[in-house]
Amino acid sequence: ALFAVLLGAAILLAGYRFFLVMLPIWGFFGGLWLGAYAVTLIFGTGFLATTTGLVVGFVVGIITAVLSYLFYMVGVLIIAG
């Protein structure tokens, strides 16, 4: 419970900076899941059961992490006018 309170206080006081750090991390894990799941569907193997699934997952994860950060900045610039 104490950890949850401290995490909530950190998000409250530094939410935007925390968001900018977490956005690529969330993008990485989403891309990791997407790449590994695609390999699972294509080859019929288990989820993250093969080296191919891991490698494709990591590559797609890194790409989506970079794109999530860059597209966020592009969105901010578009909204700012």
PDB file of N, CA and C in Angstrom:
ATOM      1  N   ALA A   1       0.829  -1.188   0.000  1.00  0.00           N
ATOM      2  CA  ALA A   1       0.000   0.000   0.000  1.00  0.00           C
ATOM      3  C   ALA A   1       0.875   1.254   0.000  1.00  0.00           C
ATOM      4  N   LEU A   2       1.973   1.201   0.726  1.00  0.00           N
ATOM      5  CA  LEU A   2       2.868   2.351   0.781  1.00  0.00           C
ATOM      6  C   LEU A   2       3.482   2.623  -0.592  1.00  0.00           C
ATOM      7  N   PHE A   3       3.820   1.569  -1.309  1.00  0.00           N
ATOM      8  CA  PHE A   3       4.372   1.730  -2.655  1.00  0.00           C
ATOM      9  C   PHE A   3       3.361   2.405  -3.575  1.00  0.00           C
ATOM     10  N   ALA A   4       2.100   2.017  -3.474  1.00  0.00           N
ATOM     11  CA  ALA A   4       1.058   2.611  -4.312  1.00  0.00           C
ATOM     12  C   ALA A   4       0.887   4.092  -3.995  1.00  0.00           C
ATOM     13  N   VAL A   5       0.964   4.451  -2.735  1.00  0.00           N
ATOM     14  CA  VAL A   5       0.844   5.854  -2.342  1.00  0.00           C
ATOM     15  C   VAL A   5       2.033   6.654  -2.878  1.00  0.00           C
ATOM     16  N   LEU A   6       3.232   6.108  -2.757  1.00  0.00           N
ATOM     17  CA  LEU A   6       4.416   6.803  -3.260  1.00  0.00           C
ATOM     18  C   LEU A   6       4.389   6.937  -4.779  1.00  0.00           C
ATOM     19  N   LEU A   7       3.953   5.901  -5.462  1.00  0.00           N
ATOM     20  CA  LEU A   7       3.841   5.965  -6.918  1.00  0.00           C
ATOM     21  C   LEU A   7       2.788   6.993  -7.332  1.00  0.00           C
ATOM     22  N   GLY A   8       1.671   7.016  -6.644  1.00  0.00           N
ATOM     23  CA  GLY A   8       0.631   8.005  -6.930  1.00  0.00           C
ATOM     24  C   GLY A   8       1.115   9.426  -6.695  1.00  0.00           C
ATOM     25  N   ALA A   9       1.872   9.638  -5.633  1.00  0.00           N
ATOM     26  CA  ALA A   9       2.418  10.968  -5.358  1.00  0.00           C
ATOM     27  C   ALA A   9       3.427  11.371  -6.427  1.00  0.00           C
ATOM     28  N   ALA A  10       4.233  10.426  -6.885  1.00  0.00           N
ATOM     29  CA  ALA A  10       5.205  10.726  -7.941  1.00  0.00           C
ATOM     30  C   ALA A  10       4.496  11.107  -9.234  1.00  0.00           C
ATOM     31  N   ILE A  11       3.442  10.413  -9.563  1.00  0.00           N
ATOM     32  CA  ILE A  11       2.684  10.738 -10.776  1.00  0.00           C
ATOM     33  C   ILE A  11       1.979  12.081 -10.618  1.00  0.00           C
ATOM     34  N   LEU A  12       1.482  12.367  -9.431  1.00  0.00           N
ATOM     35  CA  LEU A  12       0.806  13.633  -9.173  1.00  0.00           C
ATOM     36  C   LEU A  12       1.765  14.810  -9.326  1.00  0.00           C
ATOM     37  N   LEU A  13       2.953  14.674  -8.776  1.00  0.00           N
ATOM     38  CA  LEU A  13       3.893  15.789  -8.757  1.00  0.00           C
ATOM     39  C   LEU A  13       4.720  15.905 -10.034  1.00  0.00           C
ATOM     40  N   ALA A  14       4.942  14.808 -10.716  1.00  0.00           N
ATOM     41  CA  ALA A  14       5.779  14.833 -11.921  1.00  0.00           C
ATOM     42  C   ALA A  14       5.120  14.030 -13.032  1.00  0.00           C
ATOM     43  N   GLY A  15       3.830  14.208 -13.220  1.00  0.00           N
ATOM     44  CA  GLY A  15       3.070  13.388 -14.158  1.00  0.00           C
ATOM     45  C   GLY A  15       3.522  13.492 -15.598  1.00  0.00           C
ATOM     46  N   TYR A  16       3.757  14.714 -16.076  1.00  0.00           N
ATOM     47  CA  TYR A  16       4.137  14.879 -17.477  1.00  0.00           C
ATOM     48  C   TYR A  16       5.498  14.258 -17.753  1.00  0.00           C
ATOM     49  N   ARG A  17       6.453  14.497 -16.876  1.00  0.00           N
ATOM     50  CA  ARG A  17       7.781  13.903 -17.060  1.00  0.00           C
ATOM     51  C   ARG A  17       7.705  12.384 -16.958  1.00  0.00           C
ATOM     52  N   PHE A  18       6.891  11.891 -16.038  1.00  0.00           N
ATOM     53  CA  PHE A  18       6.696  10.452 -15.893  1.00  0.00           C
ATOM     54  C   PHE A  18       6.058   9.878 -17.154  1.00  0.00           C
ATOM     55  N   PHE A  19       5.097  10.602 -17.714  1.00  0.00           N
ATOM     56  CA  PHE A  19       4.437  10.169 -18.941  1.00  0.00           C
ATOM     57  C   PHE A  19       5.430  10.087 -20.097  1.00  0.00           C
ATOM     58  N   LEU A  20       6.312  11.081 -20.218  1.00  0.00           N
ATOM     59  CA  LEU A  20       7.287  11.074 -21.308  1.00  0.00           C
ATOM     60  C   LEU A  20       8.277   9.929 -21.180  1.00  0.00           C
ATOM     61  N   VAL A  21       8.546   9.492 -19.974  1.00  0.00           N
ATOM     62  CA  VAL A  21       9.423   8.340 -19.775  1.00  0.00           C
ATOM     63  C   VAL A  21       8.668   7.045 -20.063  1.00  0.00           C
ATOM     64  N   MET A  22       7.418   6.968 -19.620  1.00  0.00           N
ATOM     65  CA  MET A  22       6.651   5.732 -19.747  1.00  0.00           C
ATOM     66  C   MET A  22       6.110   5.493 -21.154  1.00  0.00           C
ATOM     67  N   LEU A  23       5.902   6.539 -21.939  1.00  0.00           N
ATOM     68  CA  LEU A  23       5.325   6.376 -23.277  1.00  0.00           C
ATOM     69  C   LEU A  23       6.146   5.439 -24.165  1.00  0.00           C
ATOM     70  N   PRO A  24       7.456   5.608 -24.296  1.00  0.00           N
ATOM     71  CA  PRO A  24       8.222   4.649 -25.104  1.00  0.00           C
ATOM     72  C   PRO A  24       8.269   3.251 -24.485  1.00  0.00           C
ATOM     73  N   ILE A  25       8.220   3.168 -23.170  1.00  0.00           N
ATOM     74  CA  ILE A  25       8.226   1.854 -22.519  1.00  0.00           C
ATOM     75  C   ILE A  25       6.941   1.107 -22.857  1.00  0.00           C
ATOM     76  N   TRP A  26       5.807   1.797 -22.780  1.00  0.00           N
ATOM     77  CA  TRP A  26       4.535   1.175 -23.166  1.00  0.00           C
ATOM     78  C   TRP A  26       4.552   0.807 -24.643  1.00  0.00           C
ATOM     79  N   GLY A  27       5.106   1.691 -25.476  1.00  0.00           N
ATOM     80  CA  GLY A  27       5.223   1.393 -26.903  1.00  0.00           C
ATOM     81  C   GLY A  27       6.081   0.171 -27.165  1.00  0.00           C
ATOM     82  N   PHE A  28       7.170   0.028 -26.399  1.00  0.00           N
ATOM     83  CA  PHE A  28       8.039  -1.137 -26.568  1.00  0.00           C
ATOM     84  C   PHE A  28       7.295  -2.421 -26.234  1.00  0.00           C
ATOM     85  N   PHE A  29       6.606  -2.446 -25.106  1.00  0.00           N
ATOM     86  CA  PHE A  29       5.916  -3.673 -24.723  1.00  0.00           C
ATOM     87  C   PHE A  29       4.758  -3.994 -25.663  1.00  0.00           C
ATOM     88  N   GLY A  30       4.083  -2.964 -26.165  1.00  0.00           N
ATOM     89  CA  GLY A  30       3.046  -3.203 -27.164  1.00  0.00           C
ATOM     90  C   GLY A  30       3.614  -3.776 -28.449  1.00  0.00           C
ATOM     91  N   GLY A  31       4.741  -3.236 -28.896  1.00  0.00           N
ATOM     92  CA  GLY A  31       5.401  -3.750 -30.095  1.00  0.00           C
ATOM     93  C   GLY A  31       5.974  -5.140 -29.893  1.00  0.00           C
ATOM     94  N   LEU A  32       6.504  -5.395 -28.699  1.00  0.00           N
ATOM     95  CA  LEU A  32       7.009  -6.733 -28.378  1.00  0.00           C
ATOM     96  C   LEU A  32       5.882  -7.752 -28.490  1.00  0.00           C
ATOM     97  N   TRP A  33       4.736  -7.416 -27.930  1.00  0.00           N
ATOM     98  CA  TRP A  33       3.593  -8.323 -28.003  1.00  0.00           C
ATOM     99  C   TRP A  33       3.143  -8.497 -29.457  1.00  0.00           C
ATOM    100  N   LEU A  34       3.063  -7.392 -30.198  1.00  0.00           N
ATOM    101  CA  LEU A  34       2.599  -7.454 -31.584  1.00  0.00           C
ATOM    102  C   LEU A  34       3.528  -8.298 -32.454  1.00  0.00           C
ATOM    103  N   GLY A  35       4.828  -8.089 -32.342  1.00  0.00           N
ATOM    104  CA  GLY A  35       5.784  -8.849 -33.146  1.00  0.00           C
ATOM    105  C   GLY A  35       5.807 -10.319 -32.787  1.00  0.00           C
ATOM    106  N   ALA A  36       5.815 -10.621 -31.494  1.00  0.00           N
ATOM    107  CA  ALA A  36       5.839 -12.021 -31.067  1.00  0.00           C
ATOM    108  C   ALA A  36       4.536 -12.727 -31.432  1.00  0.00           C
ATOM    109  N   TYR A  37       3.423 -12.018 -31.331  1.00  0.00           N
ATOM    110  CA  TYR A  37       2.139 -12.618 -31.684  1.00  0.00           C
ATOM    111  C   TYR A  37       2.055 -12.877 -33.185  1.00  0.00           C
ATOM    112  N   ALA A  38       2.616 -11.976 -33.992  1.00  0.00           N
ATOM    113  CA  ALA A  38       2.627 -12.185 -35.443  1.00  0.00           C
ATOM    114  C   ALA A  38       3.427 -13.431 -35.803  1.00  0.00           C
ATOM    115  N   VAL A  39       4.570 -13.634 -35.145  1.00  0.00           N
ATOM    116  CA  VAL A  39       5.366 -14.838 -35.395  1.00  0.00           C
ATOM    117  C   VAL A  39       4.592 -16.076 -34.960  1.00  0.00           C
ATOM    118  N   THR A  40       3.881 -15.980 -33.849  1.00  0.00           N
ATOM    119  CA  THR A  40       3.064 -17.099 -33.381  1.00  0.00           C
ATOM    120  C   THR A  40       1.997 -17.463 -34.412  1.00  0.00           C
ATOM    121  N   LEU A  41       1.345 -16.454 -34.988  1.00  0.00           N
ATOM    122  CA  LEU A  41       0.309 -16.723 -35.987  1.00  0.00           C
ATOM    123  C   LEU A  41       0.893 -17.262 -37.291  1.00  0.00           C
ATOM    124  N   ILE A  42       2.036 -16.742 -37.699  1.00  0.00           N
ATOM    125  CA  ILE A  42       2.620 -17.159 -38.977  1.00  0.00           C
ATOM    126  C   ILE A  42       3.181 -18.577 -38.904  1.00  0.00           C
ATOM    127  N   PHE A  43       3.936 -18.876 -37.851  1.00  0.00           N
ATOM    128  CA  PHE A  43       4.621 -20.169 -37.767  1.00  0.00           C
ATOM    129  C   PHE A  43       3.892 -21.199 -36.915  1.00  0.00           C
ATOM    130  N   GLY A  44       2.870 -20.803 -36.193  1.00  0.00           N
ATOM    131  CA  GLY A  44       2.110 -21.747 -35.380  1.00  0.00           C
ATOM    132  C   GLY A  44       2.855 -22.245 -34.155  1.00  0.00           C
ATOM    133  N   THR A  45       3.797 -21.455 -33.657  1.00  0.00           N
ATOM    134  CA  THR A  45       4.550 -21.847 -32.466  1.00  0.00           C
ATOM    135  C   THR A  45       3.925 -21.208 -31.231  1.00  0.00           C
ATOM    136  N   GLY A  46       4.491 -21.493 -30.081  1.00  0.00           N
ATOM    137  CA  GLY A  46       4.025 -20.865 -28.854  1.00  0.00           C
ATOM    138  C   GLY A  46       4.477 -19.418 -28.770  1.00  0.00           C
ATOM    139  N   PHE A  47       3.790 -18.651 -27.956  1.00  0.00           N
ATOM    140  CA  PHE A  47       4.108 -17.236 -27.778  1.00  0.00           C
ATOM    141  C   PHE A  47       5.472 -17.100 -27.106  1.00  0.00           C
ATOM    142  N   LEU A  48       6.405 -16.430 -27.759  1.00  0.00           N
ATOM    143  CA  LEU A  48       7.789 -16.242 -27.297  1.00  0.00           C
ATOM    144  C   LEU A  48       8.507 -17.564 -27.048  1.00  0.00           C
ATOM    145  N   ALA A  49       8.135 -18.596 -27.789  1.00  0.00           N
ATOM    146  CA  ALA A  49       8.736 -19.915 -27.596  1.00  0.00           C
ATOM    147  C   ALA A  49       9.972 -20.124 -28.461  1.00  0.00           C
ATOM    148  N   THR A  50      10.140 -19.305 -29.483  1.00  0.00           N
ATOM    149  CA  THR A  50      11.279 -19.486 -30.377  1.00  0.00           C
ATOM    150  C   THR A  50      12.146 -18.229 -30.383  1.00  0.00           C
ATOM    151  N   THR A  51      13.361 -18.398 -30.853  1.00  0.00           N
ATOM    152  CA  THR A  51      14.268 -17.257 -30.975  1.00  0.00           C
ATOM    153  C   THR A  51      13.735 -16.255 -31.992  1.00  0.00           C
ATOM    154  N   THR A  52      13.105 -16.755 -33.026  1.00  0.00           N
ATOM    155  CA  THR A  52      12.522 -15.871 -34.038  1.00  0.00           C
ATOM    156  C   THR A  52      11.474 -14.961 -33.418  1.00  0.00           C
ATOM    157  N   GLY A  53      10.621 -15.516 -32.586  1.00  0.00           N
ATOM    158  CA  GLY A  53       9.606 -14.712 -31.915  1.00  0.00           C
ATOM    159  C   GLY A  53      10.207 -13.644 -31.026  1.00  0.00           C
ATOM    160  N   LEU A  54      11.268 -13.998 -30.313  1.00  0.00           N
ATOM    161  CA  LEU A  54      11.934 -13.027 -29.443  1.00  0.00           C
ATOM    162  C   LEU A  54      12.594 -11.912 -30.242  1.00  0.00           C
ATOM    163  N   VAL A  55      13.307 -12.291 -31.301  1.00  0.00           N
ATOM    164  CA  VAL A  55      14.021 -11.288 -32.094  1.00  0.00           C
ATOM    165  C   VAL A  55      13.044 -10.350 -32.790  1.00  0.00           C
ATOM    166  N   VAL A  56      12.032 -10.915 -33.433  1.00  0.00           N
ATOM    167  CA  VAL A  56      11.037 -10.079 -34.114  1.00  0.00           C
ATOM    168  C   VAL A  56      10.310  -9.208 -33.096  1.00  0.00           C
ATOM    169  N   GLY A  57       9.980  -9.769 -31.947  1.00  0.00           N
ATOM    170  CA  GLY A  57       9.317  -8.991 -30.904  1.00  0.00           C
ATOM    171  C   GLY A  57      10.160  -7.820 -30.432  1.00  0.00           C
ATOM    172  N   PHE A  58      11.453  -8.054 -30.197  1.00  0.00           N
ATOM    173  CA  PHE A  58      12.325  -6.970 -29.752  1.00  0.00           C
ATOM    174  C   PHE A  58      12.505  -5.903 -30.825  1.00  0.00           C
ATOM    175  N   VAL A  59      12.647  -6.319 -32.069  1.00  0.00           N
ATOM    176  CA  VAL A  59      12.821  -5.346 -33.154  1.00  0.00           C
ATOM    177  C   VAL A  59      11.567  -4.495 -33.314  1.00  0.00           C
ATOM    178  N   VAL A  60      10.410  -5.132 -33.360  1.00  0.00           N
ATOM    179  CA  VAL A  60       9.158  -4.383 -33.487  1.00  0.00           C
ATOM    180  C   VAL A  60       8.937  -3.525 -32.240  1.00  0.00           C
ATOM    181  N   GLY A  61       9.323  -4.027 -31.076  1.00  0.00           N
ATOM    182  CA  GLY A  61       9.196  -3.257 -29.844  1.00  0.00           C
ATOM    183  C   GLY A  61      10.034  -1.993 -29.869  1.00  0.00           C
ATOM    184  N   ILE A  62      11.260  -2.090 -30.335  1.00  0.00           N
ATOM    185  CA  ILE A  62      12.120  -0.908 -30.413  1.00  0.00           C
ATOM    186  C   ILE A  62      11.570   0.092 -31.423  1.00  0.00           C
ATOM    187  N   ILE A  63      11.089  -0.409 -32.546  1.00  0.00           N
ATOM    188  CA  ILE A  63      10.518   0.482 -33.560  1.00  0.00           C
ATOM    189  C   ILE A  63       9.292   1.206 -33.012  1.00  0.00           C
ATOM    190  N   THR A  64       8.397   0.497 -32.344  1.00  0.00           N
ATOM    191  CA  THR A  64       7.196   1.145 -31.817  1.00  0.00           C
ATOM    192  C   THR A  64       7.516   2.085 -30.661  1.00  0.00           C
ATOM    193  N   ALA A  65       8.566   1.795 -29.893  1.00  0.00           N
ATOM    194  CA  ALA A  65       8.964   2.716 -28.825  1.00  0.00           C
ATOM    195  C   ALA A  65       9.426   4.047 -29.413  1.00  0.00           C
ATOM    196  N   VAL A  66      10.235   3.976 -30.454  1.00  0.00           N
ATOM    197  CA  VAL A  66      10.712   5.205 -31.095  1.00  0.00           C
ATOM    198  C   VAL A  66       9.553   5.941 -31.758  1.00  0.00           C
ATOM    199  N   LEU A  67       8.709   5.210 -32.466  1.00  0.00           N
ATOM    200  CA  LEU A  67       7.583   5.849 -33.152  1.00  0.00           C
ATOM    201  C   LEU A  67       6.583   6.462 -32.179  1.00  0.00           C
ATOM    202  N   SER A  68       6.359   5.823 -31.041  1.00  0.00           N
ATOM    203  CA  SER A  68       5.406   6.382 -30.080  1.00  0.00           C
ATOM    204  C   SER A  68       5.897   7.725 -29.558  1.00  0.00           C
ATOM    205  N   TYR A  69       7.180   7.842 -29.302  1.00  0.00           N
ATOM    206  CA  TYR A  69       7.726   9.115 -28.827  1.00  0.00           C
ATOM    207  C   TYR A  69       7.686  10.170 -29.927  1.00  0.00           C
ATOM    208  N   LEU A  70       8.086   9.795 -31.144  1.00  0.00           N
ATOM    209  CA  LEU A  70       8.118  10.762 -32.235  1.00  0.00           C
ATOM    210  C   LEU A  70       6.721  11.215 -32.633  1.00  0.00           C
ATOM    211  N   PHE A  71       5.770  10.286 -32.725  1.00  0.00           N
ATOM    212  CA  PHE A  71       4.421  10.676 -33.105  1.00  0.00           C
ATOM    213  C   PHE A  71       3.736  11.489 -32.022  1.00  0.00           C
ATOM    214  N   TYR A  72       4.123  11.303 -30.766  1.00  0.00           N
ATOM    215  CA  TYR A  72       3.577  12.144 -29.706  1.00  0.00           C
ATOM    216  C   TYR A  72       4.037  13.582 -29.919  1.00  0.00           C
ATOM    217  N   MET A  73       5.310  13.760 -30.223  1.00  0.00           N
ATOM    218  CA  MET A  73       5.828  15.108 -30.459  1.00  0.00           C
ATOM    219  C   MET A  73       5.181  15.739 -31.699  1.00  0.00           C
ATOM    220  N   VAL A  74       4.960  14.955 -32.739  1.00  0.00           N
ATOM    221  CA  VAL A  74       4.291  15.464 -33.940  1.00  0.00           C
ATOM    222  C   VAL A  74       2.861  15.878 -33.601  1.00  0.00           C
ATOM    223  N   GLY A  75       2.168  15.074 -32.800  1.00  0.00           N
ATOM    224  CA  GLY A  75       0.811  15.416 -32.386  1.00  0.00           C
ATOM    225  C   GLY A  75       0.754  16.703 -31.583  1.00  0.00           C
ATOM    226  N   VAL A  76       1.714  16.892 -30.706  1.00  0.00           N
ATOM    227  CA  VAL A  76       1.769  18.130 -29.921  1.00  0.00           C
ATOM    228  C   VAL A  76       1.999  19.325 -30.836  1.00  0.00           C
ATOM    229  N   LEU A  77       2.884  19.175 -31.817  1.00  0.00           N
ATOM    230  CA  LEU A  77       3.139  20.273 -32.748  1.00  0.00           C
ATOM    231  C   LEU A  77       1.912  20.589 -33.599  1.00  0.00           C
ATOM    232  N   ILE A  78       1.176  19.574 -34.014  1.00  0.00           N
ATOM    233  CA  ILE A  78      -0.034  19.803 -34.812  1.00  0.00           C
ATOM    234  C   ILE A  78      -1.095  20.516 -33.985  1.00  0.00           C
ATOM    235  N   ILE A  79      -1.281  20.076 -32.749  1.00  0.00           N
ATOM    236  CA  ILE A  79      -2.284  20.711 -31.892  1.00  0.00           C
ATOM    237  C   ILE A  79      -1.885  22.143 -31.557  1.00  0.00           C
ATOM    238  N   ALA A  80      -0.585  22.382 -31.375  1.00  0.00           N
ATOM    239  CA  ALA A  80      -0.110  23.721 -31.030  1.00  0.00           C
ATOM    240  C   ALA A  80      -0.309  24.709 -32.181  1.00  0.00           C
ATOM    241  N   GLY A  81      -0.399  24.194 -33.394  1.00  0.00           N
ATOM    242  CA  GLY A  81      -0.673  25.046 -34.541  1.00  0.00           C
ATOM    243  C   GLY A  81       0.574  25.536 -35.124  1.00  0.00           C
TER     244      GLY A  81
END
